[in-house]
PDB file of N, CA and C in Angstrom:
ATOM      1  N   MET A   1     360.018 194.537  17.919  1.00  0.00           N
ATOM      2  CA  MET A   1     358.906 195.303  17.340  1.00  0.00           C
ATOM      3  C   MET A   1     358.033 194.413  16.475  1.00  0.00           C
ATOM      4  N   ALA A   2     358.394 193.184  16.257  1.00  0.00           N
ATOM      5  CA  ALA A   2     357.631 192.302  15.358  1.00  0.00           C
ATOM      6  C   ALA A   2     356.285 191.967  15.982  1.00  0.00           C
ATOM      7  N   GLY A   3     356.171 191.998  17.305  1.00  0.00           N
ATOM      8  CA  GLY A   3     354.916 191.633  17.951  1.00  0.00           C
ATOM      9  C   GLY A   3     353.932 192.751  18.055  1.00  0.00           C
ATOM     10  N   ILE A   4     354.340 193.989  17.740  1.00  0.00           N
ATOM     11  CA  ILE A   4     353.466 195.153  17.874  1.00  0.00           C
ATOM     12  C   ILE A   4     352.702 195.350  16.576  1.00  0.00           C
ATOM     13  N   VAL A   5     351.376 195.462  16.691  1.00  0.00           N
ATOM     14  CA  VAL A   5     350.543 195.600  15.514  1.00  0.00           C
ATOM     15  C   VAL A   5     349.819 196.962  15.597  1.00  0.00           C
ATOM     16  N   ASN A   6     349.878 197.733  14.537  1.00  0.00           N
ATOM     17  CA  ASN A   6     349.217 199.009  14.495  1.00  0.00           C
ATOM     18  C   ASN A   6     347.866 198.853  13.775  1.00  0.00           C
ATOM     19  N   PRO A   7     346.741 199.007  14.512  1.00  0.00           N
ATOM     20  CA  PRO A   7     345.413 198.812  13.897  1.00  0.00           C
ATOM     21  C   PRO A   7     345.121 199.810  12.806  1.00  0.00           C
ATOM     22  N   ALA A   8     345.641 201.023  12.892  1.00  0.00           N
ATOM     23  CA  ALA A   8     345.414 202.016  11.825  1.00  0.00           C
ATOM     24  C   ALA A   8     346.109 201.613  10.550  1.00  0.00           C
ATOM     25  N   ALA A   9     347.315 201.063  10.668  1.00  0.00           N
ATOM     26  CA  ALA A   9     348.035 200.664   9.488  1.00  0.00           C
ATOM     27  C   ALA A   9     347.389 199.442   8.837  1.00  0.00           C
ATOM     28  N   ILE A  10     346.893 198.507   9.684  1.00  0.00           N
ATOM     29  CA  ILE A  10     346.200 197.351   9.156  1.00  0.00           C
ATOM     30  C   ILE A  10     344.932 197.740   8.414  1.00  0.00           C
ATOM     31  N   SER A  11     344.209 198.692   9.005  1.00  0.00           N
ATOM     32  CA  SER A  11     342.972 199.129   8.381  1.00  0.00           C
ATOM     33  C   SER A  11     343.262 199.833   7.056  1.00  0.00           C
ATOM     34  N   ALA A  12     344.267 200.666   7.001  1.00  0.00           N
ATOM     35  CA  ALA A  12     344.620 201.351   5.783  1.00  0.00           C
ATOM     36  C   ALA A  12     345.062 200.374   4.727  1.00  0.00           C
ATOM     37  N   TYR A  13     345.843 199.380   5.116  1.00  0.00           N
ATOM     38  CA  TYR A  13     346.317 198.366   4.179  1.00  0.00           C
ATOM     39  C   TYR A  13     345.151 197.545   3.632  1.00  0.00           C
ATOM     40  N   ALA A  14     344.205 197.186   4.511  1.00  0.00           N
ATOM     41  CA  ALA A  14     343.030 196.414   4.062  1.00  0.00           C
ATOM     42  C   ALA A  14     342.182 197.207   3.084  1.00  0.00           C
ATOM     43  N   GLN A  15     342.005 198.498   3.364  1.00  0.00           N
ATOM     44  CA  GLN A  15     341.214 199.352   2.452  1.00  0.00           C
ATOM     45  C   GLN A  15     341.925 199.505   1.118  1.00  0.00           C
ATOM     46  N   ALA A  16     343.257 199.663   1.142  1.00  0.00           N
ATOM     47  CA  ALA A  16     344.019 199.804  -0.104  1.00  0.00           C
ATOM     48  C   ALA A  16     343.994 198.495  -0.879  1.00  0.00           C
ATOM     49  N   ALA A  17     343.998 197.355  -0.202  1.00  0.00           N
ATOM     50  CA  ALA A  17     343.922 196.066  -0.875  1.00  0.00           C
ATOM     51  C   ALA A  17     342.569 195.874  -1.531  1.00  0.00           C
ATOM     52  N   LYS A  18     341.515 196.293  -0.884  1.00  0.00           N
ATOM     53  CA  LYS A  18     340.194 196.221  -1.469  1.00  0.00           C
ATOM     54  C   LYS A  18     340.089 197.105  -2.686  1.00  0.00           C
ATOM     55  N   MET A  19     340.688 198.305  -2.609  1.00  0.00           N
ATOM     56  CA  MET A  19     340.633 199.253  -3.707  1.00  0.00           C
ATOM     57  C   MET A  19     341.378 198.682  -4.910  1.00  0.00           C
ATOM     58  N   GLY A  20     342.557 198.116  -4.675  1.00  0.00           N
ATOM     59  CA  GLY A  20     343.386 197.550  -5.754  1.00  0.00           C
ATOM     60  C   GLY A  20     342.773 196.273  -6.345  1.00  0.00           C
ATOM     61  N   ALA A  21     341.951 195.571  -5.594  1.00  0.00           N
ATOM     62  CA  ALA A  21     341.356 194.325  -6.089  1.00  0.00           C
ATOM     63  C   ALA A  21     340.181 194.614  -7.063  1.00  0.00           C
ATOM     64  N   GLY A  22     339.687 195.829  -7.069  1.00  0.00           N
ATOM     65  CA  GLY A  22     338.563 196.179  -7.957  1.00  0.00           C
ATOM     66  C   GLY A  22     338.952 196.237  -9.398  1.00  0.00           C
ATOM     67  N   THR A  23     338.072 196.562 -10.257  1.00  0.00           N
ATOM     68  CA  THR A  23     338.348 196.666 -11.668  1.00  0.00           C
ATOM     69  C   THR A  23     339.022 197.979 -12.013  1.00  0.00           C
ATOM     70  N   GLY A  24     340.185 197.882 -12.587  1.00  0.00           N
ATOM     71  CA  GLY A  24     340.909 199.080 -13.024  1.00  0.00           C
ATOM     72  C   GLY A  24     341.613 199.841 -11.952  1.00  0.00           C
ATOM     73  N   GLY A  25     341.934 199.252 -10.803  1.00  0.00           N
ATOM     74  CA  GLY A  25     342.716 199.932  -9.775  1.00  0.00           C
ATOM     75  C   GLY A  25     341.889 201.031  -9.070  1.00  0.00           C
ATOM     76  N   ALA A  26     342.571 202.078  -8.706  1.00  0.00           N
ATOM     77  CA  ALA A  26     341.962 203.167  -7.909  1.00  0.00           C
ATOM     78  C   ALA A  26     340.858 203.864  -8.682  1.00  0.00           C
ATOM     79  N   ALA A  27     341.063 204.150  -9.964  1.00  0.00           N
ATOM     80  CA  ALA A  27     340.043 204.847 -10.742  1.00  0.00           C
ATOM     81  C   ALA A  27     338.790 203.984 -10.867  1.00  0.00           C
ATOM     82  N   GLY A  28     338.966 202.695 -11.112  1.00  0.00           N
ATOM     83  CA  GLY A  28     337.806 201.796 -11.216  1.00  0.00           C
ATOM     84  C   GLY A  28     337.066 201.656  -9.891  1.00  0.00           C
ATOM     85  N   ALA A  29     337.806 201.655  -8.818  1.00  0.00           N
ATOM     86  CA  ALA A  29     337.165 201.531  -7.483  1.00  0.00           C
ATOM     87  C   ALA A  29     336.380 202.787  -7.186  1.00  0.00           C
ATOM     88  N   ALA A  30     336.881 203.945  -7.541  1.00  0.00           N
ATOM     89  CA  ALA A  30     336.175 205.181  -7.257  1.00  0.00           C
ATOM     90  C   ALA A  30     334.922 205.262  -8.083  1.00  0.00           C
ATOM     91  N   GLU A  31     334.967 204.829  -9.358  1.00  0.00           N
ATOM     92  CA  GLU A  31     333.804 204.862 -10.207  1.00  0.00           C
ATOM     93  C   GLU A  31     332.771 203.835  -9.768  1.00  0.00           C
ATOM     94  N   ALA A  32     333.203 202.720  -9.228  1.00  0.00           N
ATOM     95  CA  ALA A  32     332.303 201.662  -8.824  1.00  0.00           C
ATOM     96  C   ALA A  32     331.744 201.864  -7.419  1.00  0.00           C
ATOM     97  N   GLY A  33     332.021 203.033  -6.823  1.00  0.00           N
ATOM     98  CA  GLY A  33     331.512 203.319  -5.474  1.00  0.00           C
ATOM     99  C   GLY A  33     332.444 202.854  -4.402  1.00  0.00           C
ATOM    100  N   GLY A  34     333.714 202.520  -4.733  1.00  0.00           N
ATOM    101  CA  GLY A  34     334.668 202.085  -3.733  1.00  0.00           C
ATOM    102  C   GLY A  34     335.270 203.267  -2.953  1.00  0.00           C
ATOM    103  N   SER A  35     336.246 202.962  -2.158  1.00  0.00           N
ATOM    104  CA  SER A  35     336.899 203.983  -1.374  1.00  0.00           C
ATOM    105  C   SER A  35     337.895 204.789  -2.200  1.00  0.00           C
ATOM    106  N   SER A  36     337.935 206.065  -2.001  1.00  0.00           N
ATOM    107  CA  SER A  36     338.930 206.916  -2.633  1.00  0.00           C
ATOM    108  C   SER A  36     340.108 207.052  -1.661  1.00  0.00           C
ATOM    109  N   PHE A  37     341.147 207.706  -2.194  1.00  0.00           N
ATOM    110  CA  PHE A  37     342.346 207.919  -1.362  1.00  0.00           C
ATOM    111  C   PHE A  37     341.982 208.793  -0.147  1.00  0.00           C
ATOM    112  N   GLY A  38     341.125 209.776  -0.388  1.00  0.00           N
ATOM    113  CA  GLY A  38     340.687 210.634   0.727  1.00  0.00           C
ATOM    114  C   GLY A  38     339.889 209.869   1.791  1.00  0.00           C
ATOM    115  N   ASP A  39     339.108 208.888   1.348  1.00  0.00           N
ATOM    116  CA  ASP A  39     338.369 208.067   2.292  1.00  0.00           C
ATOM    117  C   ASP A  39     339.308 207.206   3.147  1.00  0.00           C
ATOM    118  N   ILE A  40     340.335 206.705   2.493  1.00  0.00           N
ATOM    119  CA  ILE A  40     341.345 205.884   3.226  1.00  0.00           C
ATOM    120  C   ILE A  40     342.034 206.738   4.260  1.00  0.00           C
ATOM    121  N   LEU A  41     342.469 207.971   3.833  1.00  0.00           N
ATOM    122  CA  LEU A  41     343.141 208.851   4.799  1.00  0.00           C
ATOM    123  C   LEU A  41     342.201 209.239   5.927  1.00  0.00           C
ATOM    124  N   GLY A  42     340.937 209.490   5.632  1.00  0.00           N
ATOM    125  CA  GLY A  42     339.971 209.798   6.669  1.00  0.00           C
ATOM    126  C   GLY A  42     339.815 208.645   7.634  1.00  0.00           C
ATOM    127  N   GLY A  43     339.799 207.415   7.134  1.00  0.00           N
ATOM    128  CA  GLY A  43     339.686 206.252   7.956  1.00  0.00           C
ATOM    129  C   GLY A  43     340.900 206.094   8.890  1.00  0.00           C
ATOM    130  N   VAL A  44     342.089 206.327   8.347  1.00  0.00           N
ATOM    131  CA  VAL A  44     343.301 206.237   9.181  1.00  0.00           C
ATOM    132  C   VAL A  44     343.293 207.343  10.280  1.00  0.00           C
ATOM    133  N   LEU A  45     342.852 208.540   9.913  1.00  0.00           N
ATOM    134  CA  LEU A  45     342.762 209.587  10.873  1.00  0.00           C
ATOM    135  C   LEU A  45     341.741 209.281  11.973  1.00  0.00           C
ATOM    136  N   ASN A  46     340.592 208.714  11.560  1.00  0.00           N
ATOM    137  CA  ASN A  46     339.597 208.345  12.571  1.00  0.00           C
ATOM    138  C   ASN A  46     340.109 207.245  13.462  1.00  0.00           C
ATOM    139  N   ASP A  47     340.860 206.277  12.944  1.00  0.00           N
ATOM    140  CA  ASP A  47     341.439 205.210  13.737  1.00  0.00           C
ATOM    141  C   ASP A  47     342.451 205.801  14.737  1.00  0.00           C
ATOM    142  N   ALA A  48     343.240 206.786  14.284  1.00  0.00           N
ATOM    143  CA  ALA A  48     344.230 207.401  15.174  1.00  0.00           C
ATOM    144  C   ALA A  48     343.521 208.124  16.318  1.00  0.00           C
ATOM    145  N   VAL A  49     342.471 208.872  15.993  1.00  0.00           N
ATOM    146  CA  VAL A  49     341.725 209.581  17.008  1.00  0.00           C
ATOM    147  C   VAL A  49     341.093 208.589  18.026  1.00  0.00           C
ATOM    148  N   ALA A  50     340.485 207.536  17.457  1.00  0.00           N
ATOM    149  CA  ALA A  50     339.881 206.543  18.345  1.00  0.00           C
ATOM    150  C   ALA A  50     340.954 205.869  19.272  1.00  0.00           C
ATOM    151  N   SER A  51     342.106 205.638  18.727  1.00  0.00           N
ATOM    152  CA  SER A  51     343.198 205.030  19.490  1.00  0.00           C
ATOM    153  C   SER A  51     343.652 205.974  20.609  1.00  0.00           C
ATOM    154  N   GLY A  52     343.726 207.230  20.337  1.00  0.00           N
ATOM    155  CA  GLY A  52     344.061 208.249  21.350  1.00  0.00           C
ATOM    156  C   GLY A  52     343.019 208.317  22.445  1.00  0.00           C
ATOM    157  N   LYS A  53     341.761 208.293  22.040  1.00  0.00           N
ATOM    158  CA  LYS A  53     340.642 208.338  23.040  1.00  0.00           C
ATOM    159  C   LYS A  53     340.674 207.085  23.900  1.00  0.00           C
ATOM    160  N   MET A  54     340.972 205.937  23.314  1.00  0.00           N
ATOM    161  CA  MET A  54     341.069 204.679  24.082  1.00  0.00           C
ATOM    162  C   MET A  54     342.195 204.771  25.095  1.00  0.00           C
ATOM    163  N   ALA A  55     343.314 205.334  24.706  1.00  0.00           N
ATOM    164  CA  ALA A  55     344.448 205.483  25.623  1.00  0.00           C
ATOM    165  C   ALA A  55     344.072 206.409  26.802  1.00  0.00           C
ATOM    166  N   GLU A  56     343.366 207.474  26.475  1.00  0.00           N
ATOM    167  CA  GLU A  56     342.911 208.404  27.560  1.00  0.00           C
ATOM    168  C   GLU A  56     341.937 207.702  28.512  1.00  0.00           C
ATOM    169  N   GLN A  57     341.051 206.913  27.949  1.00  0.00           N
ATOM    170  CA  GLN A  57     340.075 206.215  28.822  1.00  0.00           C
ATOM    171  C   GLN A  57     340.825 205.213  29.728  1.00  0.00           C
ATOM    172  N   LYS A  58     341.769 204.468  29.137  1.00  0.00           N
ATOM    173  CA  LYS A  58     342.525 203.503  29.949  1.00  0.00           C
ATOM    174  C   LYS A  58     343.307 204.202  31.034  1.00  0.00           C
ATOM    175  N   ALA A  59     343.892 205.352  30.717  1.00  0.00           N
ATOM    176  CA  ALA A  59     344.687 206.094  31.715  1.00  0.00           C
ATOM    177  C   ALA A  59     343.763 206.618  32.835  1.00  0.00           C
ATOM    178  N   ALA A  60     342.586 207.098  32.443  1.00  0.00           N
ATOM    179  CA  ALA A  60     341.636 207.601  33.456  1.00  0.00           C
ATOM    180  C   ALA A  60     341.175 206.468  34.363  1.00  0.00           C
ATOM    181  N   SER A  61     340.921 205.304  33.781  1.00  0.00           N
ATOM    182  CA  SER A  61     340.471 204.168  34.624  1.00  0.00           C
ATOM    183  C   SER A  61     341.612 203.711  35.581  1.00  0.00           C
ATOM    184  N   LEU A  62     342.879 203.845  35.138  1.00  0.00           N
ATOM    185  CA  LEU A  62     343.983 203.503  36.005  1.00  0.00           C
ATOM    186  C   LEU A  62     344.057 204.463  37.148  1.00  0.00           C
ATOM    187  N   VAL A  63     343.867 205.761  36.893  1.00  0.00           N
ATOM    188  CA  VAL A  63     343.911 206.777  37.940  1.00  0.00           C
ATOM    189  C   VAL A  63     342.824 206.521  38.957  1.00  0.00           C
ATOM    190  N   GLN A  64     341.681 206.048  38.510  1.00  0.00           N
ATOM    191  CA  GLN A  64     340.540 205.765  39.408  1.00  0.00           C
ATOM    192  C   GLN A  64     340.721 204.448  40.119  1.00  0.00           C
ATOM    193  N   GLY A  65     341.770 203.722  39.799  1.00  0.00           N
ATOM    194  CA  GLY A  65     342.039 202.444  40.454  1.00  0.00           C
ATOM    195  C   GLY A  65     341.297 201.278  39.832  1.00  0.00           C
ATOM    196  N   LYS A  66     340.711 201.461  38.697  1.00  0.00           N
ATOM    197  CA  LYS A  66     339.919 200.389  38.048  1.00  0.00           C
ATOM    198  C   LYS A  66     340.695 199.731  36.913  1.00  0.00           C
ATOM    199  N   GLY A  67     341.813 200.273  36.501  1.00  0.00           N
ATOM    200  CA  GLY A  67     342.492 199.764  35.303  1.00  0.00           C
ATOM    201  C   GLY A  67     343.745 198.997  35.621  1.00  0.00           C
ATOM    202  N   ASP A  68     344.369 198.516  34.581  1.00  0.00           N
ATOM    203  CA  ASP A  68     345.585 197.746  34.706  1.00  0.00           C
ATOM    204  C   ASP A  68     346.722 198.520  33.954  1.00  0.00           C
ATOM    205  N   LEU A  69     347.889 198.577  34.559  1.00  0.00           N
ATOM    206  CA  LEU A  69     349.001 199.321  33.972  1.00  0.00           C
ATOM    207  C   LEU A  69     349.403 198.778  32.584  1.00  0.00           C
ATOM    208  N   VAL A  70     349.331 197.492  32.421  1.00  0.00           N
ATOM    209  CA  VAL A  70     349.701 196.854  31.126  1.00  0.00           C
ATOM    210  C   VAL A  70     348.743 197.336  30.061  1.00  0.00           C
ATOM    211  N   ASP A  71     347.454 197.416  30.361  1.00  0.00           N
ATOM    212  CA  ASP A  71     346.462 197.907  29.377  1.00  0.00           C
ATOM    213  C   ASP A  71     346.731 199.339  28.982  1.00  0.00           C
ATOM    214  N   VAL A  72     347.104 200.148  29.976  1.00  0.00           N
ATOM    215  CA  VAL A  72     347.395 201.570  29.704  1.00  0.00           C
ATOM    216  C   VAL A  72     348.603 201.687  28.798  1.00  0.00           C
ATOM    217  N   VAL A  73     349.663 200.975  29.147  1.00  0.00           N
ATOM    218  CA  VAL A  73     350.901 201.052  28.334  1.00  0.00           C
ATOM    219  C   VAL A  73     350.601 200.573  26.897  1.00  0.00           C
ATOM    220  N   SER A  74     349.854 199.502  26.758  1.00  0.00           N
ATOM    221  CA  SER A  74     349.533 199.004  25.407  1.00  0.00           C
ATOM    222  C   SER A  74     348.688 199.985  24.611  1.00  0.00           C
ATOM    223  N   ALA A  75     347.707 200.611  25.268  1.00  0.00           N
ATOM    224  CA  ALA A  75     346.848 201.595  24.583  1.00  0.00           C
ATOM    225  C   ALA A  75     347.631 202.849  24.221  1.00  0.00           C
ATOM    226  N   VAL A  76     348.533 203.297  25.088  1.00  0.00           N
ATOM    227  CA  VAL A  76     349.332 204.487  24.772  1.00  0.00           C
ATOM    228  C   VAL A  76     350.301 204.161  23.610  1.00  0.00           C
ATOM    229  N   ASN A  77     350.867 202.948  23.617  1.00  0.00           N
ATOM    230  CA  ASN A  77     351.772 202.563  22.553  1.00  0.00           C
ATOM    231  C   ASN A  77     351.020 202.495  21.237  1.00  0.00           C
ATOM    232  N   ALA A  78     349.817 201.980  21.219  1.00  0.00           N
ATOM    233  CA  ALA A  78     349.031 201.902  20.007  1.00  0.00           C
ATOM    234  C   ALA A  78     348.679 203.281  19.499  1.00  0.00           C
ATOM    235  N   ALA A  79     348.349 204.200  20.415  1.00  0.00           N
ATOM    236  CA  ALA A  79     348.048 205.588  20.033  1.00  0.00           C
ATOM    237  C   ALA A  79     349.273 206.258  19.458  1.00  0.00           C
ATOM    238  N   GLU A  80     350.407 206.009  20.079  1.00  0.00           N
ATOM    239  CA  GLU A  80     351.664 206.625  19.578  1.00  0.00           C
ATOM    240  C   GLU A  80     352.006 206.111  18.190  1.00  0.00           C
ATOM    241  N   MET A  81     351.831 204.788  17.953  1.00  0.00           N
ATOM    242  CA  MET A  81     352.108 204.268  16.623  1.00  0.00           C
ATOM    243  C   MET A  81     351.128 204.780  15.595  1.00  0.00           C
ATOM    244  N   SER A  82     349.898 204.955  15.959  1.00  0.00           N
ATOM    245  CA  SER A  82     348.890 205.548  15.031  1.00  0.00           C
ATOM    246  C   SER A  82     349.263 206.937  14.678  1.00  0.00           C
ATOM    247  N   LEU A  83     349.690 207.707  15.665  1.00  0.00           N
ATOM    248  CA  LEU A  83     350.100 209.101  15.405  1.00  0.00           C
ATOM    249  C   LEU A  83     351.349 209.147  14.501  1.00  0.00           C
ATOM    250  N   GLU A  84     352.277 208.235  14.744  1.00  0.00           N
ATOM    251  CA  GLU A  84     353.457 208.187  13.882  1.00  0.00           C
ATOM    252  C   GLU A  84     353.097 207.814  12.469  1.00  0.00           C
ATOM    253  N   THR A  85     352.125 206.936  12.279  1.00  0.00           N
ATOM    254  CA  THR A  85     351.643 206.556  10.936  1.00  0.00           C
ATOM    255  C   THR A  85     351.060 207.769  10.253  1.00  0.00           C
ATOM    256  N   VAL A  86     350.203 208.516  10.948  1.00  0.00           N
ATOM    257  CA  VAL A  86     349.606 209.719  10.350  1.00  0.00           C
ATOM    258  C   VAL A  86     350.684 210.751   9.990  1.00  0.00           C
ATOM    259  N   VAL A  87     351.640 210.930  10.853  1.00  0.00           N
ATOM    260  CA  VAL A  87     352.697 211.911  10.578  1.00  0.00           C
ATOM    261  C   VAL A  87     353.550 211.431   9.367  1.00  0.00           C
ATOM    262  N   ALA A  88     353.825 210.148   9.267  1.00  0.00           N
ATOM    263  CA  ALA A  88     354.559 209.632   8.124  1.00  0.00           C
ATOM    264  C   ALA A  88     353.822 209.845   6.811  1.00  0.00           C
ATOM    265  N   ILE A  89     352.511 209.600   6.857  1.00  0.00           N
ATOM    266  CA  ILE A  89     351.702 209.811   5.669  1.00  0.00           C
ATOM    267  C   ILE A  89     351.695 211.292   5.286  1.00  0.00           C
ATOM    268  N   ARG A  90     351.542 212.130   6.284  1.00  0.00           N
ATOM    269  CA  ARG A  90     351.568 213.552   6.027  1.00  0.00           C
ATOM    270  C   ARG A  90     352.896 214.006   5.401  1.00  0.00           C
ATOM    271  N   ASP A  91     354.012 213.510   5.912  1.00  0.00           N
ATOM    272  CA  ASP A  91     355.305 213.833   5.364  1.00  0.00           C
ATOM    273  C   ASP A  91     355.456 213.401   3.920  1.00  0.00           C
ATOM    274  N   LYS A  92     354.950 212.201   3.614  1.00  0.00           N
ATOM    275  CA  LYS A  92     354.996 211.685   2.252  1.00  0.00           C
ATOM    276  C   LYS A  92     354.173 212.531   1.297  1.00  0.00           C
ATOM    277  N   VAL A  93     352.999 212.936   1.757  1.00  0.00           N
ATOM    278  CA  VAL A  93     352.101 213.764   0.931  1.00  0.00           C
ATOM    279  C   VAL A  93     352.743 215.125   0.661  1.00  0.00           C
ATOM    280  N   ILE A  94     353.345 215.718   1.685  1.00  0.00           N
ATOM    281  CA  ILE A  94     353.995 217.022   1.528  1.00  0.00           C
ATOM    282  C   ILE A  94     355.194 216.868   0.571  1.00  0.00           C
ATOM    283  N   ALA A  95     355.977 215.838   0.721  1.00  0.00           N
ATOM    284  CA  ALA A  95     357.135 215.594  -0.177  1.00  0.00           C
ATOM    285  C   ALA A  95     356.657 215.433  -1.622  1.00  0.00           C
ATOM    286  N   ALA A  96     355.570 214.719  -1.809  1.00  0.00           N
ATOM    287  CA  ALA A  96     355.032 214.508  -3.148  1.00  0.00           C
ATOM    288  C   ALA A  96     354.545 215.839  -3.749  1.00  0.00           C
ATOM    289  N   TYR A  97     353.924 216.618  -2.906  1.00  0.00           N
ATOM    290  CA  TYR A  97     353.442 217.930  -3.373  1.00  0.00           C
ATOM    291  C   TYR A  97     354.604 218.855  -3.757  1.00  0.00           C
ATOM    292  N   GLN A  98     355.641 218.815  -2.981  1.00  0.00           N
ATOM    293  CA  GLN A  98     356.823 219.612  -3.257  1.00  0.00           C
ATOM    294  C   GLN A  98     357.525 219.138  -4.564  1.00  0.00           C
ATOM    295  N   ASP A  99     357.512 217.835  -4.801  1.00  0.00           N
ATOM    296  CA  ASP A  99     358.074 217.317  -6.028  1.00  0.00           C
ATOM    297  C   ASP A  99     357.242 217.791  -7.246  1.00  0.00           C
ATOM    298  N   ILE A 100     355.951 217.830  -7.090  1.00  0.00           N
ATOM    299  CA  ILE A 100     355.130 218.307  -8.154  1.00  0.00           C
ATOM    300  C   ILE A 100     355.380 219.810  -8.433  1.00  0.00           C
ATOM    301  N   LEU A 101     355.563 220.575  -7.372  1.00  0.00           N
ATOM    302  CA  LEU A 101     355.839 221.987  -7.563  1.00  0.00           C
ATOM    303  C   LEU A 101     357.158 222.223  -8.264  1.00  0.00           C
ATOM    304  N   ARG A 102     358.118 221.356  -8.066  1.00  0.00           N
ATOM    305  CA  ARG A 102     359.446 221.526  -8.670  1.00  0.00           C
ATOM    306  C   ARG A 102     359.507 221.032 -10.140  1.00  0.00           C
ATOM    307  N   MET A 103     358.435 220.390 -10.587  1.00  0.00           N
ATOM    308  CA  MET A 103     358.459 219.875 -11.967  1.00  0.00           C
ATOM    309  C   MET A 103     358.411 221.050 -12.980  1.00  0.00           C
ATOM    310  N   PRO A 104     359.242 220.927 -14.009  1.00  0.00           N
ATOM    311  CA  PRO A 104     359.231 221.981 -15.056  1.00  0.00           C
ATOM    312  C   PRO A 104     357.918 221.868 -15.866  1.00  0.00           C
ATOM    313  N   ILE A 105     357.434 223.008 -16.272  1.00  0.00           N
ATOM    314  CA  ILE A 105     356.171 222.999 -17.060  1.00  0.00           C
ATOM    315  C   ILE A 105     356.529 222.959 -18.520  1.00  0.00           C
TER     316      ILE A 105
END
């Protein structure tokens, strides 16, 4: 698995690194016009959707006899990893929300 790279994860990491490099962390980046957490999540979701569409296009071109099986498998694998990334983020957000709900007031 070391050779497989998830473009959505790389994009999210790069955006988070830019945000953290600003003045004052996330709050400073948001005040200075940088990306917010919601913007990063939106970017990851857009990357996942784009990856799924690319996989569909590659599969359609293979059915038409114009594509390569290796390209289709790679595109489907990238789409699957993007979806798994989105699901993992969703699970962490839900777990954090549940932890907040369980906090005593």
